[in-house]
């Protein structure tokens, strides 16, 4: 029962983070103002983390760890963007 609830939570969290990322990306493309790019990359990284956790729970560990590595890289890039701007 707990596995089902955690899977439901991860799926909903992935959808919410994906929509937030999409909204920041759409704003940047429509207005040409890319000052929120770092925040978009941050939410994209969180989306990759959730997807990686889902893949690990589904016994696809290689893909899961690859997504977690992408998460770490994107968090590094977003922190660099926050510090340099």
N, C-alpha and C. Protein backbone atom coordinates (compact mmCIF):
# COMPACT_ATOMS: atom_id res chain seq x y z
N UNK A 1 0.82 -1.20 0.00
CA UNK A 1 0.00 0.00 0.00
C UNK A 1 0.87 1.26 0.00
N UNK A 2 1.95 1.24 0.77
CA UNK A 2 2.82 2.41 0.83
C UNK A 2 3.48 2.66 -0.51
N UNK A 3 3.87 1.60 -1.22
CA UNK A 3 4.51 1.75 -2.53
C UNK A 3 3.58 2.46 -3.51
N UNK A 4 2.29 2.14 -3.44
CA UNK A 4 1.31 2.77 -4.32
C UNK A 4 1.19 4.27 -4.02
N UNK A 5 1.18 4.62 -2.74
CA UNK A 5 1.05 6.03 -2.35
C UNK A 5 2.28 6.83 -2.75
N UNK A 6 3.47 6.24 -2.56
CA UNK A 6 4.70 6.93 -2.93
C UNK A 6 4.76 7.12 -4.44
N UNK A 7 4.37 6.11 -5.19
CA UNK A 7 4.35 6.22 -6.65
C UNK A 7 3.39 7.31 -7.09
N UNK A 8 2.23 7.38 -6.47
CA UNK A 8 1.25 8.42 -6.79
C UNK A 8 1.82 9.81 -6.47
N UNK A 9 2.49 9.94 -5.33
CA UNK A 9 3.09 11.22 -4.93
C UNK A 9 4.19 11.63 -5.89
N UNK A 10 5.06 10.71 -6.27
CA UNK A 10 6.14 11.04 -7.21
C UNK A 10 5.60 11.42 -8.57
N UNK A 11 4.57 10.74 -9.02
CA UNK A 11 3.98 11.06 -10.32
C UNK A 11 3.37 12.46 -10.31
N UNK A 12 2.62 12.79 -9.26
CA UNK A 12 2.03 14.12 -9.18
C UNK A 12 3.09 15.20 -9.03
N UNK A 13 4.13 14.93 -8.25
CA UNK A 13 5.21 15.89 -8.09
C UNK A 13 5.92 16.12 -9.42
N UNK A 14 6.12 15.05 -10.18
CA UNK A 14 6.74 15.20 -11.50
C UNK A 14 5.89 16.07 -12.42
N UNK A 15 4.58 15.87 -12.40
CA UNK A 15 3.69 16.69 -13.23
C UNK A 15 3.74 18.16 -12.82
N UNK A 16 3.69 18.43 -11.54
CA UNK A 16 3.70 19.82 -11.05
C UNK A 16 5.01 20.50 -11.43
N UNK A 17 6.14 19.82 -11.19
CA UNK A 17 7.43 20.42 -11.52
C UNK A 17 7.60 20.62 -13.02
N UNK A 18 7.06 19.70 -13.81
CA UNK A 18 7.13 19.84 -15.27
C UNK A 18 6.33 21.04 -15.75
N UNK A 19 5.15 21.25 -15.16
CA UNK A 19 4.33 22.40 -15.55
C UNK A 19 5.02 23.70 -15.16
N UNK A 20 5.62 23.76 -13.98
CA UNK A 20 6.33 24.96 -13.55
C UNK A 20 7.49 25.24 -14.50
N UNK A 21 8.25 24.20 -14.86
CA UNK A 21 9.37 24.37 -15.80
C UNK A 21 8.87 24.85 -17.15
N UNK A 22 7.79 24.27 -17.61
CA UNK A 22 7.21 24.66 -18.90
C UNK A 22 6.77 26.12 -18.88
N UNK A 23 6.18 26.56 -17.78
CA UNK A 23 5.72 27.95 -17.70
C UNK A 23 6.90 28.93 -17.74
N UNK A 24 7.97 28.63 -17.01
CA UNK A 24 9.15 29.50 -17.06
C UNK A 24 9.77 29.52 -18.46
N UNK A 25 9.84 28.36 -19.10
CA UNK A 25 10.41 28.30 -20.45
C UNK A 25 9.52 29.05 -21.44
N UNK A 26 8.21 28.90 -21.32
CA UNK A 26 7.29 29.60 -22.22
C UNK A 26 7.38 31.10 -22.03
N UNK A 27 7.48 31.53 -20.78
CA UNK A 27 7.61 32.96 -20.52
C UNK A 27 8.85 33.52 -21.20
N UNK A 28 9.96 32.81 -21.08
CA UNK A 28 11.19 33.27 -21.70
C UNK A 28 11.10 33.32 -23.21
N UNK A 29 10.47 32.33 -23.81
CA UNK A 29 10.36 32.30 -25.27
C UNK A 29 9.39 33.35 -25.79
N UNK A 30 8.30 33.55 -25.09
CA UNK A 30 7.29 34.50 -25.57
C UNK A 30 7.77 35.94 -25.41
N UNK A 31 8.34 36.28 -24.26
CA UNK A 31 8.74 37.66 -24.00
C UNK A 31 10.16 37.99 -24.43
N UNK A 32 11.00 36.96 -24.61
CA UNK A 32 12.40 37.20 -24.94
C UNK A 32 13.21 37.62 -23.73
N UNK A 33 12.63 37.53 -22.55
CA UNK A 33 13.28 37.89 -21.30
C UNK A 33 13.71 36.61 -20.59
N UNK A 34 15.02 36.36 -20.57
CA UNK A 34 15.52 35.10 -20.04
C UNK A 34 16.13 35.25 -18.65
N UNK A 35 15.65 36.23 -17.88
CA UNK A 35 16.20 36.43 -16.54
C UNK A 35 15.79 35.34 -15.57
N UNK A 36 14.77 34.56 -15.89
CA UNK A 36 14.33 33.47 -15.04
C UNK A 36 14.88 32.12 -15.50
N UNK A 37 15.91 32.14 -16.34
CA UNK A 37 16.49 30.90 -16.84
C UNK A 37 17.07 30.03 -15.75
N UNK A 38 17.71 30.65 -14.77
CA UNK A 38 18.29 29.88 -13.67
C UNK A 38 17.23 29.17 -12.85
N UNK A 39 16.10 29.84 -12.63
CA UNK A 39 15.00 29.20 -11.89
C UNK A 39 14.41 28.06 -12.70
N UNK A 40 14.33 28.26 -14.03
CA UNK A 40 13.80 27.20 -14.88
C UNK A 40 14.71 25.97 -14.82
N UNK A 41 16.01 26.17 -14.88
CA UNK A 41 16.95 25.06 -14.81
C UNK A 41 16.86 24.37 -13.45
N UNK A 42 16.65 25.14 -12.39
CA UNK A 42 16.50 24.56 -11.06
C UNK A 42 15.29 23.63 -11.01
N UNK A 43 14.15 24.08 -11.52
CA UNK A 43 12.96 23.23 -11.51
C UNK A 43 13.10 22.04 -12.47
N UNK A 44 13.83 22.25 -13.57
CA UNK A 44 14.11 21.13 -14.47
C UNK A 44 14.95 20.08 -13.76
N UNK A 45 15.92 20.52 -12.97
CA UNK A 45 16.73 19.59 -12.20
C UNK A 45 15.91 18.82 -11.18
N UNK A 46 14.99 19.52 -10.50
CA UNK A 46 14.11 18.82 -9.56
C UNK A 46 13.24 17.79 -10.26
N UNK A 47 12.80 18.13 -11.47
CA UNK A 47 12.01 17.18 -12.26
C UNK A 47 12.85 15.94 -12.58
N UNK A 48 14.12 16.16 -12.94
CA UNK A 48 15.00 15.03 -13.23
C UNK A 48 15.23 14.17 -11.99
N UNK A 49 15.32 14.80 -10.82
CA UNK A 49 15.49 14.05 -9.58
C UNK A 49 14.29 13.15 -9.32
N UNK A 50 13.11 13.69 -9.46
CA UNK A 50 11.89 12.91 -9.24
C UNK A 50 11.79 11.78 -10.26
N UNK A 51 12.13 12.06 -11.50
CA UNK A 51 12.10 11.02 -12.51
C UNK A 51 13.13 9.93 -12.20
N UNK A 52 14.31 10.34 -11.72
CA UNK A 52 15.32 9.36 -11.34
C UNK A 52 14.86 8.48 -10.20
N UNK A 53 14.21 9.06 -9.22
CA UNK A 53 13.69 8.26 -8.11
C UNK A 53 12.62 7.28 -8.58
N UNK A 54 11.78 7.75 -9.51
CA UNK A 54 10.76 6.84 -10.07
C UNK A 54 11.40 5.67 -10.80
N UNK A 55 12.44 5.95 -11.57
CA UNK A 55 13.10 4.89 -12.32
C UNK A 55 13.78 3.90 -11.39
N UNK A 56 14.40 4.39 -10.33
CA UNK A 56 15.03 3.49 -9.37
C UNK A 56 13.98 2.61 -8.69
N UNK A 57 12.83 3.19 -8.36
CA UNK A 57 11.75 2.40 -7.74
C UNK A 57 11.20 1.35 -8.71
N UNK A 58 11.29 1.63 -10.01
CA UNK A 58 10.79 0.69 -11.02
C UNK A 58 11.88 -0.29 -11.48
N UNK A 59 12.96 -0.40 -10.70
CA UNK A 59 14.04 -1.36 -10.97
C UNK A 59 14.82 -1.06 -12.25
N UNK A 60 14.81 0.18 -12.72
CA UNK A 60 15.65 0.59 -13.84
C UNK A 60 16.73 1.52 -13.28
N UNK A 61 17.69 0.91 -12.61
CA UNK A 61 18.65 1.65 -11.81
C UNK A 61 19.62 2.47 -12.64
N UNK A 62 20.04 1.99 -13.80
CA UNK A 62 21.01 2.71 -14.62
C UNK A 62 20.40 4.03 -15.09
N UNK A 63 19.20 3.98 -15.60
CA UNK A 63 18.52 5.20 -16.05
C UNK A 63 18.25 6.13 -14.87
N UNK A 64 17.88 5.56 -13.74
CA UNK A 64 17.62 6.36 -12.55
C UNK A 64 18.86 7.11 -12.09
N UNK A 65 19.99 6.42 -12.04
CA UNK A 65 21.23 7.08 -11.61
C UNK A 65 21.68 8.12 -12.64
N UNK A 66 21.46 7.85 -13.91
CA UNK A 66 21.79 8.84 -14.94
C UNK A 66 20.96 10.11 -14.75
N UNK A 67 19.68 9.96 -14.46
CA UNK A 67 18.83 11.13 -14.21
C UNK A 67 19.25 11.88 -12.95
N UNK A 68 19.71 11.16 -11.93
CA UNK A 68 20.18 11.83 -10.71
C UNK A 68 21.47 12.59 -11.00
N UNK A 69 22.34 12.06 -11.86
CA UNK A 69 23.55 12.78 -12.25
C UNK A 69 23.19 14.04 -13.02
N UNK A 70 22.20 13.95 -13.91
CA UNK A 70 21.72 15.13 -14.64
C UNK A 70 21.15 16.16 -13.66
N UNK A 71 20.44 15.68 -12.63
CA UNK A 71 19.92 16.57 -11.58
C UNK A 71 21.06 17.33 -10.91
N UNK A 72 22.12 16.63 -10.52
CA UNK A 72 23.24 17.28 -9.84
C UNK A 72 23.90 18.32 -10.74
N UNK A 73 24.07 17.99 -12.02
CA UNK A 73 24.67 18.94 -12.95
C UNK A 73 23.79 20.17 -13.13
N UNK A 74 22.50 19.98 -13.27
CA UNK A 74 21.61 21.13 -13.49
C UNK A 74 21.51 22.00 -12.24
N UNK A 75 21.56 21.40 -11.06
CA UNK A 75 21.57 22.20 -9.83
C UNK A 75 22.85 23.02 -9.76
N UNK A 76 23.98 22.41 -10.14
CA UNK A 76 25.24 23.15 -10.18
C UNK A 76 25.14 24.34 -11.14
N UNK A 77 24.58 24.10 -12.32
CA UNK A 77 24.45 25.17 -13.31
C UNK A 77 23.52 26.27 -12.80
N UNK A 78 22.43 25.93 -12.16
CA UNK A 78 21.50 26.96 -11.68
C UNK A 78 22.13 27.76 -10.53
N UNK A 79 22.89 27.11 -9.65
CA UNK A 79 23.56 27.84 -8.57
C UNK A 79 24.62 28.78 -9.15
N UNK A 80 25.37 28.32 -10.15
CA UNK A 80 26.32 29.20 -10.82
C UNK A 80 25.61 30.40 -11.43
N UNK A 81 24.46 30.17 -12.04
CA UNK A 81 23.69 31.27 -12.63
C UNK A 81 23.22 32.26 -11.58
N UNK A 82 22.80 31.76 -10.42
CA UNK A 82 22.37 32.66 -9.34
C UNK A 82 23.54 33.48 -8.81
N UNK A 83 24.70 32.87 -8.68
CA UNK A 83 25.85 33.56 -8.12
C UNK A 83 26.46 34.56 -9.10
N UNK A 84 26.41 34.28 -10.39
CA UNK A 84 27.02 35.17 -11.37
C UNK A 84 26.11 36.33 -11.77
N UNK A 85 24.82 36.21 -11.53
CA UNK A 85 23.92 37.31 -11.92
C UNK A 85 23.62 38.24 -10.79
